[in-house]
């Protein structure tokens, strides 16, 4: 079954058959590499980034993704939540919605309010 996995799933090393990722996940992985000065952590994060780059052909951000993001943002605000500082999570959710894929994430709470618009699941 085809699914989109969130960055957290990839970072946790969970293997999900039929998985795809968003280019925004690659953006988060790159940010992780650059956010530490610890040589061992940096090397591990770089290996994760390199592996993801070799394995996946990420979905780009397209107008379809942006339109889906608009709907998800509206749904989240409608239940009284602020989209919050993790602006990439709704964009990753929008990628899943735009491509009609379930989103697999370890952080279900980050997507509260968007359940009517997309299928969000734990790994």
PDB file of N, CA and C in Angstrom:
ATOM      1  N   UNK A   1       0.832  -1.174   0.000  1.00  0.00           N
ATOM      2  CA  UNK A   1       0.000   0.000   0.000  1.00  0.00           C
ATOM      3  C   UNK A   1       0.884   1.249   0.000  1.00  0.00           C
ATOM      4  N   UNK A   2       0.583   2.198  -0.854  1.00  0.00           N
ATOM      5  CA  UNK A   2       1.336   3.438  -0.925  1.00  0.00           C
ATOM      6  C   UNK A   2       0.954   4.350   0.234  1.00  0.00           C
ATOM      7  N   UNK A   3       1.941   4.938   0.876  1.00  0.00           N
ATOM      8  CA  UNK A   3       1.743   5.860   2.001  1.00  0.00           C
ATOM      9  C   UNK A   3       2.802   6.949   1.930  1.00  0.00           C
ATOM     10  N   UNK A   4       2.539   8.049   2.630  1.00  0.00           N
ATOM     11  CA  UNK A   4       3.535   9.091   2.822  1.00  0.00           C
ATOM     12  C   UNK A   4       3.961   9.017   4.276  1.00  0.00           C
ATOM     13  N   UNK A   5       5.259   9.001   4.517  1.00  0.00           N
ATOM     14  CA  UNK A   5       5.728   8.960   5.906  1.00  0.00           C
ATOM     15  C   UNK A   5       6.222  10.341   6.322  1.00  0.00           C
ATOM     16  N   UNK A   6       5.935  10.675   7.565  1.00  0.00           N
ATOM     17  CA  UNK A   6       6.423  11.923   8.131  1.00  0.00           C
ATOM     18  C   UNK A   6       7.899  11.816   8.466  1.00  0.00           C
ATOM     19  N   UNK A   7       8.511  12.953   8.643  1.00  0.00           N
ATOM     20  CA  UNK A   7       9.944  13.004   8.959  1.00  0.00           C
ATOM     21  C   UNK A   7      10.270  12.213  10.214  1.00  0.00           C
ATOM     22  N   UNK A   8       9.370  12.259  11.196  1.00  0.00           N
ATOM     23  CA  UNK A   8       9.610  11.562  12.461  1.00  0.00           C
ATOM     24  C   UNK A   8       9.752  10.061  12.263  1.00  0.00           C
ATOM     25  N   UNK A   9       8.976   9.504  11.371  1.00  0.00           N
ATOM     26  CA  UNK A   9       9.038   8.061  11.105  1.00  0.00           C
ATOM     27  C   UNK A   9      10.384   7.706  10.479  1.00  0.00           C
ATOM     28  N   UNK A  10      10.805   8.522   9.549  1.00  0.00           N
ATOM     29  CA  UNK A  10      12.093   8.294   8.901  1.00  0.00           C
ATOM     30  C   UNK A  10      13.242   8.450   9.902  1.00  0.00           C
ATOM     31  N   UNK A  11      13.163   9.471  10.743  1.00  0.00           N
ATOM     32  CA  UNK A  11      14.205   9.712  11.752  1.00  0.00           C
ATOM     33  C   UNK A  11      14.253   8.575  12.764  1.00  0.00           C
ATOM     34  N   UNK A  12      13.070   8.026  13.122  1.00  0.00           N
ATOM     35  CA  UNK A  12      13.007   6.912  14.076  1.00  0.00           C
ATOM     36  C   UNK A  12      13.484   5.596  13.470  1.00  0.00           C
ATOM     37  N   UNK A  13      13.709   5.570  12.157  1.00  0.00           N
ATOM     38  CA  UNK A  13      14.197   4.368  11.496  1.00  0.00           C
ATOM     39  C   UNK A  13      13.135   3.312  11.270  1.00  0.00           C
ATOM     40  N   UNK A  14      11.872   3.709  11.317  1.00  0.00           N
ATOM     41  CA  UNK A  14      10.773   2.767  11.093  1.00  0.00           C
ATOM     42  C   UNK A  14      10.679   2.484   9.593  1.00  0.00           C
ATOM     43  N   UNK A  15      10.661   1.215   9.229  1.00  0.00           N
ATOM     44  CA  UNK A  15      10.548   0.819   7.829  1.00  0.00           C
ATOM     45  C   UNK A  15       9.072   0.642   7.505  1.00  0.00           C
ATOM     46  N   UNK A  16       8.618   1.356   6.479  1.00  0.00           N
ATOM     47  CA  UNK A  16       7.224   1.289   6.060  1.00  0.00           C
ATOM     48  C   UNK A  16       7.196   0.921   4.585  1.00  0.00           C
ATOM     49  N   UNK A  17       6.655  -0.239   4.285  1.00  0.00           N
ATOM     50  CA  UNK A  17       6.589  -0.703   2.901  1.00  0.00           C
ATOM     51  C   UNK A  17       5.713   0.224   2.072  1.00  0.00           C
ATOM     52  N   UNK A  18       6.152   0.520   0.856  1.00  0.00           N
ATOM     53  CA  UNK A  18       5.392   1.368  -0.049  1.00  0.00           C
ATOM     54  C   UNK A  18       5.463   2.847   0.292  1.00  0.00           C
ATOM     55  N   UNK A  19       6.454   3.241   1.088  1.00  0.00           N
ATOM     56  CA  UNK A  19       6.537   4.617   1.579  1.00  0.00           C
ATOM     57  C   UNK A  19       7.098   5.578   0.539  1.00  0.00           C
ATOM     58  N   UNK A  20       6.560   6.784   0.588  1.00  0.00           N
ATOM     59  CA  UNK A  20       7.070   7.933  -0.145  1.00  0.00           C
ATOM     60  C   UNK A  20       7.298   9.042   0.868  1.00  0.00           C
ATOM     61  N   UNK A  21       8.022  10.074   0.439  1.00  0.00           N
ATOM     62  CA  UNK A  21       8.232  11.230   1.309  1.00  0.00           C
ATOM     63  C   UNK A  21       7.998  12.510   0.513  1.00  0.00           C
ATOM     64  N   UNK A  22       7.865  13.595   1.255  1.00  0.00           N
ATOM     65  CA  UNK A  22       7.782  14.937   0.678  1.00  0.00           C
ATOM     66  C   UNK A  22       9.187  15.524   0.614  1.00  0.00           C
ATOM     67  N   UNK A  23       9.407  16.434  -0.308  1.00  0.00           N
ATOM     68  CA  UNK A  23      10.684  17.149  -0.351  1.00  0.00           C
ATOM     69  C   UNK A  23      10.898  17.911   0.955  1.00  0.00           C
ATOM     70  N   UNK A  24       9.800  18.231   1.644  1.00  0.00           N
ATOM     71  CA  UNK A  24       9.907  18.927   2.925  1.00  0.00           C
ATOM     72  C   UNK A  24      10.553  18.041   3.987  1.00  0.00           C
ATOM     73  N   UNK A  25      10.395  16.740   3.866  1.00  0.00           N
ATOM     74  CA  UNK A  25      11.083  15.818   4.767  1.00  0.00           C
ATOM     75  C   UNK A  25      12.590  15.902   4.545  1.00  0.00           C
ATOM     76  N   UNK A  26      13.003  16.010   3.300  1.00  0.00           N
ATOM     77  CA  UNK A  26      14.429  16.169   3.018  1.00  0.00           C
ATOM     78  C   UNK A  26      14.944  17.492   3.603  1.00  0.00           C
ATOM     79  N   UNK A  27      14.105  18.517   3.541  1.00  0.00           N
ATOM     80  CA  UNK A  27      14.443  19.813   4.128  1.00  0.00           C
ATOM     81  C   UNK A  27      14.655  19.667   5.632  1.00  0.00           C
ATOM     82  N   UNK A  28      13.756  18.936   6.302  1.00  0.00           N
ATOM     83  CA  UNK A  28      13.903  18.717   7.747  1.00  0.00           C
ATOM     84  C   UNK A  28      15.146  17.895   8.068  1.00  0.00           C
ATOM     85  N   UNK A  29      15.406  16.865   7.269  1.00  0.00           N
ATOM     86  CA  UNK A  29      16.603  16.050   7.502  1.00  0.00           C
ATOM     87  C   UNK A  29      17.876  16.880   7.340  1.00  0.00           C
ATOM     88  N   UNK A  30      17.913  17.726   6.313  1.00  0.00           N
ATOM     89  CA  UNK A  30      19.082  18.590   6.104  1.00  0.00           C
ATOM     90  C   UNK A  30      19.258  19.548   7.278  1.00  0.00           C
ATOM     91  N   UNK A  31      18.146  20.081   7.769  1.00  0.00           N
ATOM     92  CA  UNK A  31      18.213  20.965   8.923  1.00  0.00           C
ATOM     93  C   UNK A  31      18.747  20.252  10.144  1.00  0.00           C
ATOM     94  N   UNK A  32      18.410  18.979  10.286  1.00  0.00           N
ATOM     95  CA  UNK A  32      18.914  18.191  11.406  1.00  0.00           C
ATOM     96  C   UNK A  32      20.413  18.015  11.354  1.00  0.00           C
ATOM     97  N   UNK A  33      20.936  17.800  10.155  1.00  0.00           N
ATOM     98  CA  UNK A  33      22.389  17.653   9.998  1.00  0.00           C
ATOM     99  C   UNK A  33      23.080  18.929  10.460  1.00  0.00           C
ATOM    100  N   UNK A  34      22.516  20.047  10.076  1.00  0.00           N
ATOM    101  CA  UNK A  34      23.163  21.328  10.333  1.00  0.00           C
ATOM    102  C   UNK A  34      22.865  21.903  11.712  1.00  0.00           C
ATOM    103  N   UNK A  35      22.031  21.215  12.502  1.00  0.00           N
ATOM    104  CA  UNK A  35      21.643  21.774  13.797  1.00  0.00           C
ATOM    105  C   UNK A  35      22.468  21.236  14.965  1.00  0.00           C
ATOM    106  N   UNK A  36      23.469  20.446  14.673  1.00  0.00           N
ATOM    107  CA  UNK A  36      24.313  19.922  15.749  1.00  0.00           C
ATOM    108  C   UNK A  36      25.781  20.149  15.419  1.00  0.00           C
ATOM    109  N   UNK A  37      26.547  20.349  16.470  1.00  0.00           N
ATOM    110  CA  UNK A  37      27.994  20.461  16.297  1.00  0.00           C
ATOM    111  C   UNK A  37      28.703  19.199  16.777  1.00  0.00           C
ATOM    112  N   UNK A  38      27.929  18.272  17.352  1.00  0.00           N
ATOM    113  CA  UNK A  38      28.501  17.006  17.804  1.00  0.00           C
ATOM    114  C   UNK A  38      28.873  16.171  16.572  1.00  0.00           C
ATOM    115  N   UNK A  39      30.136  15.819  16.414  1.00  0.00           N
ATOM    116  CA  UNK A  39      30.573  15.107  15.209  1.00  0.00           C
ATOM    117  C   UNK A  39      29.862  13.770  14.989  1.00  0.00           C
ATOM    118  N   UNK A  40      29.649  12.996  16.043  1.00  0.00           N
ATOM    119  CA  UNK A  40      28.987  11.692  15.882  1.00  0.00           C
ATOM    120  C   UNK A  40      27.528  11.875  15.478  1.00  0.00           C
ATOM    121  N   UNK A  41      26.830  12.796  16.118  1.00  0.00           N
ATOM    122  CA  UNK A  41      25.422  13.046  15.778  1.00  0.00           C
ATOM    123  C   UNK A  41      25.315  13.585  14.359  1.00  0.00           C
ATOM    124  N   UNK A  42      26.226  14.486  14.012  1.00  0.00           N
ATOM    125  CA  UNK A  42      26.209  15.057  12.660  1.00  0.00           C
ATOM    126  C   UNK A  42      26.439  13.970  11.615  1.00  0.00           C
ATOM    127  N   UNK A  43      27.376  13.068  11.868  1.00  0.00           N
ATOM    128  CA  UNK A  43      27.664  11.983  10.925  1.00  0.00           C
ATOM    129  C   UNK A  43      26.458  11.056  10.777  1.00  0.00           C
ATOM    130  N   UNK A  44      25.814  10.727  11.887  1.00  0.00           N
ATOM    131  CA  UNK A  44      24.628   9.856  11.834  1.00  0.00           C
ATOM    132  C   UNK A  44      23.504  10.527  11.053  1.00  0.00           C
ATOM    133  N   UNK A  45      23.303  11.800  11.298  1.00  0.00           N
ATOM    134  CA  UNK A  45      22.248  12.531  10.590  1.00  0.00           C
ATOM    135  C   UNK A  45      22.571  12.664   9.103  1.00  0.00           C
ATOM    136  N   UNK A  46      23.836  12.847   8.784  1.00  0.00           N
ATOM    137  CA  UNK A  46      24.226  12.934   7.379  1.00  0.00           C
ATOM    138  C   UNK A  46      23.990  11.603   6.676  1.00  0.00           C
ATOM    139  N   UNK A  47      24.298  10.487   7.361  1.00  0.00           N
ATOM    140  CA  UNK A  47      24.031   9.163   6.776  1.00  0.00           C
ATOM    141  C   UNK A  47      22.536   8.981   6.520  1.00  0.00           C
ATOM    142  N   UNK A  48      21.695   9.414   7.470  1.00  0.00           N
ATOM    143  CA  UNK A  48      20.240   9.308   7.305  1.00  0.00           C
ATOM    144  C   UNK A  48      19.790  10.133   6.103  1.00  0.00           C
ATOM    145  N   UNK A  49      20.309  11.347   5.992  1.00  0.00           N
ATOM    146  CA  UNK A  49      19.963  12.225   4.871  1.00  0.00           C
ATOM    147  C   UNK A  49      20.399  11.575   3.546  1.00  0.00           C
ATOM    148  N   UNK A  50      21.634  11.095   3.485  1.00  0.00           N
ATOM    149  CA  UNK A  50      22.159  10.482   2.264  1.00  0.00           C
ATOM    150  C   UNK A  50      21.351   9.251   1.869  1.00  0.00           C
ATOM    151  N   UNK A  51      20.981   8.435   2.846  1.00  0.00           N
ATOM    152  CA  UNK A  51      20.183   7.242   2.563  1.00  0.00           C
ATOM    153  C   UNK A  51      18.816   7.636   2.013  1.00  0.00           C
ATOM    154  N   UNK A  52      18.176   8.611   2.637  1.00  0.00           N
ATOM    155  CA  UNK A  52      16.866   9.058   2.154  1.00  0.00           C
ATOM    156  C   UNK A  52      16.976   9.608   0.737  1.00  0.00           C
ATOM    157  N   UNK A  53      18.024  10.358   0.466  1.00  0.00           N
ATOM    158  CA  UNK A  53      18.221  10.923  -0.868  1.00  0.00           C
ATOM    159  C   UNK A  53      18.429   9.822  -1.907  1.00  0.00           C
ATOM    160  N   UNK A  54      19.067   8.742  -1.508  1.00  0.00           N
ATOM    161  CA  UNK A  54      19.317   7.635  -2.429  1.00  0.00           C
ATOM    162  C   UNK A  54      18.081   6.760  -2.651  1.00  0.00           C
ATOM    163  N   UNK A  55      17.236   6.641  -1.630  1.00  0.00           N
ATOM    164  CA  UNK A  55      16.105   5.708  -1.677  1.00  0.00           C
ATOM    165  C   UNK A  55      14.836   6.340  -2.239  1.00  0.00           C
ATOM    166  N   UNK A  56      14.591   7.595  -1.916  1.00  0.00           N
ATOM    167  CA  UNK A  56      13.308   8.216  -2.240  1.00  0.00           C
ATOM    168  C   UNK A  56      13.411   9.212  -3.390  1.00  0.00           C
ATOM    169  N   UNK A  57      12.312   9.351  -4.110  1.00  0.00           N
ATOM    170  CA  UNK A  57      12.113  10.414  -5.088  1.00  0.00           C
ATOM    171  C   UNK A  57      10.991  11.272  -4.515  1.00  0.00           C
ATOM    172  N   UNK A  58      11.334  12.280  -3.716  1.00  0.00           N
ATOM    173  CA  UNK A  58      10.316  13.002  -2.952  1.00  0.00           C
ATOM    174  C   UNK A  58       9.297  13.739  -3.822  1.00  0.00           C
ATOM    175  N   UNK A  59       8.073  13.816  -3.293  1.00  0.00           N
ATOM    176  CA  UNK A  59       7.053  14.626  -3.932  1.00  0.00           C
ATOM    177  C   UNK A  59       7.434  16.096  -3.765  1.00  0.00           C
ATOM    178  N   UNK A  60       7.311  16.898  -4.821  1.00  0.00           N
ATOM    179  CA  UNK A  60       7.604  18.330  -4.694  1.00  0.00           C
ATOM    180  C   UNK A  60       6.414  19.081  -4.087  1.00  0.00           C
ATOM    181  N   UNK A  61       6.660  20.322  -3.713  1.00  0.00           N
ATOM    182  CA  UNK A  61       5.572  21.206  -3.320  1.00  0.00           C
ATOM    183  C   UNK A  61       4.999  21.779  -4.616  1.00  0.00           C
ATOM    184  N   UNK A  62       3.742  21.512  -4.838  1.00  0.00           N
ATOM    185  CA  UNK A  62       3.068  21.946  -6.066  1.00  0.00           C
ATOM    186  C   UNK A  62       1.861  22.809  -5.688  1.00  0.00           C
ATOM    187  N   UNK A  63       1.198  23.349  -6.684  1.00  0.00           N
ATOM    188  CA  UNK A  63      -0.014  24.122  -6.407  1.00  0.00           C
ATOM    189  C   UNK A  63      -1.054  23.244  -5.731  1.00  0.00           C
ATOM    190  N   UNK A  64      -1.130  21.979  -6.131  1.00  0.00           N
ATOM    191  CA  UNK A  64      -2.071  21.040  -5.503  1.00  0.00           C
ATOM    192  C   UNK A  64      -1.770  20.871  -4.019  1.00  0.00           C
ATOM    193  N   UNK A  65      -0.500  20.807  -3.672  1.00  0.00           N
ATOM    194  CA  UNK A  65      -0.095  20.703  -2.266  1.00  0.00           C
ATOM    195  C   UNK A  65      -0.444  21.996  -1.525  1.00  0.00           C
ATOM    196  N   UNK A  66      -0.196  23.133  -2.133  1.00  0.00           N
ATOM    197  CA  UNK A  66      -0.517  24.408  -1.493  1.00  0.00           C
ATOM    198  C   UNK A  66      -2.018  24.557  -1.267  1.00  0.00           C
ATOM    199  N   UNK A  67      -2.826  24.123  -2.223  1.00  0.00           N
ATOM    200  CA  UNK A  67      -4.283  24.171  -2.051  1.00  0.00           C
ATOM    201  C   UNK A  67      -4.720  23.271  -0.898  1.00  0.00           C
ATOM    202  N   UNK A  68      -4.139  22.080  -0.816  1.00  0.00           N
ATOM    203  CA  UNK A  68      -4.461  21.158   0.281  1.00  0.00           C
ATOM    204  C   UNK A  68      -4.015  21.760   1.616  1.00  0.00           C
ATOM    205  N   UNK A  69      -2.889  22.448   1.631  1.00  0.00           N
ATOM    206  CA  UNK A  69      -2.399  23.095   2.849  1.00  0.00           C
ATOM    207  C   UNK A  69      -3.384  24.150   3.332  1.00  0.00           C
ATOM    208  N   UNK A  70      -3.932  24.902   2.418  1.00  0.00           N
ATOM    209  CA  UNK A  70      -4.924  25.923   2.772  1.00  0.00           C
ATOM    210  C   UNK A  70      -6.110  25.276   3.492  1.00  0.00           C
ATOM    211  N   UNK A  71      -6.597  24.154   2.984  1.00  0.00           N
ATOM    212  CA  UNK A  71      -7.723  23.444   3.603  1.00  0.00           C
ATOM    213  C   UNK A  71      -7.357  22.905   4.983  1.00  0.00           C
ATOM    214  N   UNK A  72      -6.173  22.350   5.115  1.00  0.00           N
ATOM    215  CA  UNK A  72      -5.731  21.790   6.398  1.00  0.00           C
ATOM    216  C   UNK A  72      -5.561  22.905   7.424  1.00  0.00           C
ATOM    217  N   UNK A  73      -4.937  24.004   7.039  1.00  0.00           N
ATOM    218  CA  UNK A  73      -4.789  25.137   7.960  1.00  0.00           C
ATOM    219  C   UNK A  73      -6.157  25.616   8.448  1.00  0.00           C
ATOM    220  N   UNK A  74      -7.112  25.732   7.542  1.00  0.00           N
ATOM    221  CA  UNK A  74      -8.460  26.190   7.911  1.00  0.00           C
ATOM    222  C   UNK A  74      -9.113  25.222   8.895  1.00  0.00           C
ATOM    223  N   UNK A  75      -8.942  23.917   8.672  1.00  0.00           N
ATOM    224  CA  UNK A  75      -9.539  22.911   9.559  1.00  0.00           C
ATOM    225  C   UNK A  75      -8.925  22.961  10.948  1.00  0.00           C
ATOM    226  N   UNK A  76      -7.631  23.163  11.019  1.00  0.00           N
ATOM    227  CA  UNK A  76      -6.932  23.226  12.307  1.00  0.00           C
ATOM    228  C   UNK A  76      -7.371  24.477  13.077  1.00  0.00           C
ATOM    229  N   UNK A  77      -7.448  25.594  12.399  1.00  0.00           N
ATOM    230  CA  UNK A  77      -7.883  26.836  13.035  1.00  0.00           C
ATOM    231  C   UNK A  77      -9.349  26.718  13.481  1.00  0.00           C
ATOM    232  N   UNK A  78     -10.165  26.014  12.695  1.00  0.00           N
ATOM    233  CA  UNK A  78     -11.594  25.864  13.009  1.00  0.00           C
ATOM    234  C   UNK A  78     -11.833  25.136  14.330  1.00  0.00           C
ATOM    235  N   UNK A  79     -10.897  24.298  14.772  1.00  0.00           N
ATOM    236  CA  UNK A  79     -11.082  23.620  16.063  1.00  0.00           C
ATOM    237  C   UNK A  79     -10.366  24.366  17.190  1.00  0.00           C
ATOM    238  N   UNK A  80      -9.897  25.578  16.892  1.00  0.00           N
ATOM    239  CA  UNK A  80      -9.301  26.403  17.926  1.00  0.00           C
ATOM    240  C   UNK A  80      -7.818  26.232  18.133  1.00  0.00           C
ATOM    241  N   UNK A  81      -7.158  25.554  17.227  1.00  0.00           N
ATOM    242  CA  UNK A  81      -5.705  25.368  17.348  1.00  0.00           C
ATOM    243  C   UNK A  81      -4.984  26.348  16.450  1.00  0.00           C
ATOM    244  N   UNK A  82      -3.827  26.748  16.882  1.00  0.00           N
ATOM    245  CA  UNK A  82      -2.974  27.555  16.020  1.00  0.00           C
ATOM    246  C   UNK A  82      -2.118  26.591  15.211  1.00  0.00           C
ATOM    247  N   UNK A  83      -1.857  26.927  13.946  1.00  0.00           N
ATOM    248  CA  UNK A  83      -0.997  26.046  13.150  1.00  0.00           C
ATOM    249  C   UNK A  83       0.344  25.783  13.802  1.00  0.00           C
ATOM    250  N   UNK A  84       0.845  26.721  14.594  1.00  0.00           N
ATOM    251  CA  UNK A  84       2.028  26.473  15.411  1.00  0.00           C
ATOM    252  C   UNK A  84       3.350  26.685  14.717  1.00  0.00           C
ATOM    253  N   UNK A  85       4.409  26.499  15.496  1.00  0.00           N
ATOM    254  CA  UNK A  85       5.750  26.763  14.983  1.00  0.00           C
ATOM    255  C   UNK A  85       6.255  25.696  14.008  1.00  0.00           C
ATOM    256  N   UNK A  86       5.689  24.513  14.062  1.00  0.00           N
ATOM    257  CA  UNK A  86       6.131  23.434  13.156  1.00  0.00           C
ATOM    258  C   UNK A  86       5.353  23.523  11.855  1.00  0.00           C
ATOM    259  N   UNK A  87       5.654  24.528  11.072  1.00  0.00           N
ATOM    260  CA  UNK A  87       4.907  24.809   9.848  1.00  0.00           C
ATOM    261  C   UNK A  87       5.083  23.731   8.788  1.00  0.00           C
ATOM    262  N   UNK A  88       6.108  22.922   8.893  1.00  0.00           N
ATOM    263  CA  UNK A  88       6.299  21.890   7.872  1.00  0.00           C
ATOM    264  C   UNK A  88       5.337  20.716   8.049  1.00  0.00           C
ATOM    265  N   UNK A  89       4.896  20.445   9.276  1.00  0.00           N
ATOM    266  CA  UNK A  89       3.967  19.326   9.485  1.00  0.00           C
ATOM    267  C   UNK A  89       2.703  19.479   8.648  1.00  0.00           C
ATOM    268  N   UNK A  90       2.031  20.645   8.661  1.00  0.00           N
ATOM    269  CA  UNK A  90       0.838  20.772   7.816  1.00  0.00           C
ATOM    270  C   UNK A  90       1.158  20.686   6.321  1.00  0.00           C
ATOM    271  N   UNK A  91       2.350  21.114   5.935  1.00  0.00           N
ATOM    272  CA  UNK A  91       2.722  21.007   4.522  1.00  0.00           C
ATOM    273  C   UNK A  91       2.956  19.549   4.130  1.00  0.00           C
ATOM    274  N   UNK A  92       3.531  18.773   5.022  1.00  0.00           N
ATOM    275  CA  UNK A  92       3.713  17.338   4.762  1.00  0.00           C
ATOM    276  C   UNK A  92       2.344  16.663   4.702  1.00  0.00           C
ATOM    277  N   UNK A  93       1.448  17.043   5.618  1.00  0.00           N
ATOM    278  CA  UNK A  93       0.073  16.514   5.574  1.00  0.00           C
ATOM    279  C   UNK A  93      -0.605  16.899   4.262  1.00  0.00           C
ATOM    280  N   UNK A  94      -0.371  18.120   3.814  1.00  0.00           N
ATOM    281  CA  UNK A  94      -0.958  18.578   2.547  1.00  0.00           C
ATOM    282  C   UNK A  94      -0.428  17.767   1.369  1.00  0.00           C
ATOM    283  N   UNK A  95       0.835  17.379   1.444  1.00  0.00           N
ATOM    284  CA  UNK A  95       1.402  16.532   0.385  1.00  0.00           C
ATOM    285  C   UNK A  95       0.674  15.190   0.345  1.00  0.00           C
ATOM    286  N   UNK A  96       0.432  14.614   1.524  1.00  0.00           N
ATOM    287  CA  UNK A  96      -0.307  13.347   1.583  1.00  0.00           C
ATOM    288  C   UNK A  96      -1.705  13.526   0.999  1.00  0.00           C
ATOM    289  N   UNK A  97      -2.381  14.601   1.387  1.00  0.00           N
ATOM    290  CA  UNK A  97      -3.743  14.834   0.892  1.00  0.00           C
ATOM    291  C   UNK A  97      -3.754  15.063  -0.620  1.00  0.00           C
ATOM    292  N   UNK A  98      -2.828  15.861  -1.110  1.00  0.00           N
ATOM    293  CA  UNK A  98      -2.771  16.177  -2.536  1.00  0.00           C
ATOM    294  C   UNK A  98      -2.548  14.931  -3.393  1.00  0.00           C
ATOM    295  N   UNK A  99      -1.875  13.942  -2.819  1.00  0.00           N
ATOM    296  CA  UNK A  99      -1.584  12.710  -3.565  1.00  0.00           C
ATOM    297  C   UNK A  99      -2.470  11.549  -3.120  1.00  0.00           C
ATOM    298  N   UNK A 100      -3.477  11.871  -2.298  1.00  0.00           N
ATOM    299  CA  UNK A 100      -4.453  10.886  -1.826  1.00  0.00           C
ATOM    300  C   UNK A 100      -3.773   9.678  -1.176  1.00  0.00           C
ATOM    301  N   UNK A 101      -2.838   9.974  -0.265  1.00  0.00           N
ATOM    302  CA  UNK A 101      -2.103   8.933   0.437  1.00  0.00           C
ATOM    303  C   UNK A 101      -2.339   9.056   1.941  1.00  0.00           C
ATOM    304  N   UNK A 102      -2.385   7.941   2.652  1.00  0.00           N
ATOM    305  CA  UNK A 102      -2.391   8.026   4.114  1.00  0.00           C
ATOM    306  C   UNK A 102      -1.056   8.602   4.584  1.00  0.00           C
ATOM    307  N   UNK A 103      -1.086   9.330   5.685  1.00  0.00           N
ATOM    308  CA  UNK A 103       0.132   9.865   6.297  1.00  0.00           C
ATOM    309  C   UNK A 103       0.463   9.023   7.511  1.00  0.00           C
ATOM    310  N   UNK A 104       1.667   8.499   7.536  1.00  0.00           N
ATOM    311  CA  UNK A 104       2.144   7.698   8.662  1.00  0.00           C
ATOM    312  C   UNK A 104       3.055   8.581   9.503  1.00  0.00           C
ATOM    313  N   UNK A 105       2.710   8.721  10.803  1.00  0.00           N
ATOM    314  CA  UNK A 105       3.479   9.583  11.697  1.00  0.00           C
ATOM    315  C   UNK A 105       3.460   9.028  13.116  1.00  0.00           C
ATOM    316  N   UNK A 106       4.515   9.302  13.837  1.00  0.00           N
ATOM    317  CA  UNK A 106       4.574   8.948  15.258  1.00  0.00           C
ATOM    318  C   UNK A 106       3.981  10.054  16.121  1.00  0.00           C
ATOM    319  N   UNK A 107       3.660  11.174  15.504  1.00  0.00           N
ATOM    320  CA  UNK A 107       3.175  12.346  16.228  1.00  0.00           C
ATOM    321  C   UNK A 107       1.749  12.683  15.784  1.00  0.00           C
ATOM    322  N   UNK A 108       0.801  11.835  16.128  1.00  0.00           N
ATOM    323  CA  UNK A 108      -0.584  12.033  15.702  1.00  0.00           C
ATOM    324  C   UNK A 108      -1.156  13.376  16.158  1.00  0.00           C
ATOM    325  N   UNK A 109      -0.748  13.830  17.328  1.00  0.00           N
ATOM    326  CA  UNK A 109      -1.292  15.081  17.854  1.00  0.00           C
ATOM    327  C   UNK A 109      -0.976  16.278  16.965  1.00  0.00           C
ATOM    328  N   UNK A 110       0.138  16.242  16.265  1.00  0.00           N
ATOM    329  CA  UNK A 110       0.517  17.350  15.387  1.00  0.00           C
ATOM    330  C   UNK A 110      -0.498  17.552  14.268  1.00  0.00           C
ATOM    331  N   UNK A 111      -1.283  16.524  13.987  1.00  0.00           N
ATOM    332  CA  UNK A 111      -2.219  16.581  12.864  1.00  0.00           C
ATOM    333  C   UNK A 111      -3.678  16.641  13.317  1.00  0.00           C
ATOM    334  N   UNK A 112      -3.882  16.856  14.635  1.00  0.00           N
ATOM    335  CA  UNK A 112      -5.241  16.968  15.166  1.00  0.00           C
ATOM    336  C   UNK A 112      -5.958  18.126  14.485  1.00  0.00           C
ATOM    337  N   UNK A 113      -7.157  17.866  14.027  1.00  0.00           N
ATOM    338  CA  UNK A 113      -7.946  18.860  13.322  1.00  0.00           C
ATOM    339  C   UNK A 113      -8.005  18.596  11.832  1.00  0.00           C
ATOM    340  N   UNK A 114      -7.087  17.797  11.334  1.00  0.00           N
ATOM    341  CA  UNK A 114      -7.062  17.517   9.895  1.00  0.00           C
ATOM    342  C   UNK A 114      -7.607  16.129   9.558  1.00  0.00           C
ATOM    343  N   UNK A 115      -8.110  15.420  10.573  1.00  0.00           N
ATOM    344  CA  UNK A 115      -8.546  14.031  10.379  1.00  0.00           C
ATOM    345  C   UNK A 115      -9.655  13.879   9.337  1.00  0.00           C
ATOM    346  N   UNK A 116     -10.518  14.882   9.203  1.00  0.00           N
ATOM    347  CA  UNK A 116     -11.596  14.798   8.216  1.00  0.00           C
ATOM    348  C   UNK A 116     -11.078  14.973   6.790  1.00  0.00           C
ATOM    349  N   UNK A 117      -9.856  15.480   6.661  1.00  0.00           N
ATOM    350  CA  UNK A 117      -9.303  15.768   5.344  1.00  0.00           C
ATOM    351  C   UNK A 117      -8.311  14.732   4.855  1.00  0.00           C
ATOM    352  N   UNK A 118      -7.708  13.977   5.780  1.00  0.00           N
ATOM    353  CA  UNK A 118      -6.753  12.969   5.371  1.00  0.00           C
ATOM    354  C   UNK A 118      -6.667  11.863   6.397  1.00  0.00           C
ATOM    355  N   UNK A 119      -6.164  10.743   5.961  1.00  0.00           N
ATOM    356  CA  UNK A 119      -6.007   9.553   6.785  1.00  0.00           C
ATOM    357  C   UNK A 119      -4.643   9.618   7.461  1.00  0.00           C
ATOM    358  N   UNK A 120      -4.630   9.828   8.781  1.00  0.00           N
ATOM    359  CA  UNK A 120      -3.390   9.926   9.551  1.00  0.00           C
ATOM    360  C   UNK A 120      -3.296   8.697  10.436  1.00  0.00           C
ATOM    361  N   UNK A 121      -2.165   7.989  10.361  1.00  0.00           N
ATOM    362  CA  UNK A 121      -1.988   6.717  11.091  1.00  0.00           C
ATOM    363  C   UNK A 121      -0.648   6.662  11.804  1.00  0.00           C
ATOM    364  N   UNK A 122      -0.615   5.846  12.839  1.00  0.00           N
ATOM    365  CA  UNK A 122       0.650   5.511  13.514  1.00  0.00           C
ATOM    366  C   UNK A 122       1.384   4.457  12.696  1.00  0.00           C
ATOM    367  N   UNK A 123       2.702   4.410  12.848  1.00  0.00           N
ATOM    368  CA  UNK A 123       3.449   3.354  12.130  1.00  0.00           C
ATOM    369  C   UNK A 123       3.133   1.968  12.651  1.00  0.00           C
TER     370      UNK A 123
END
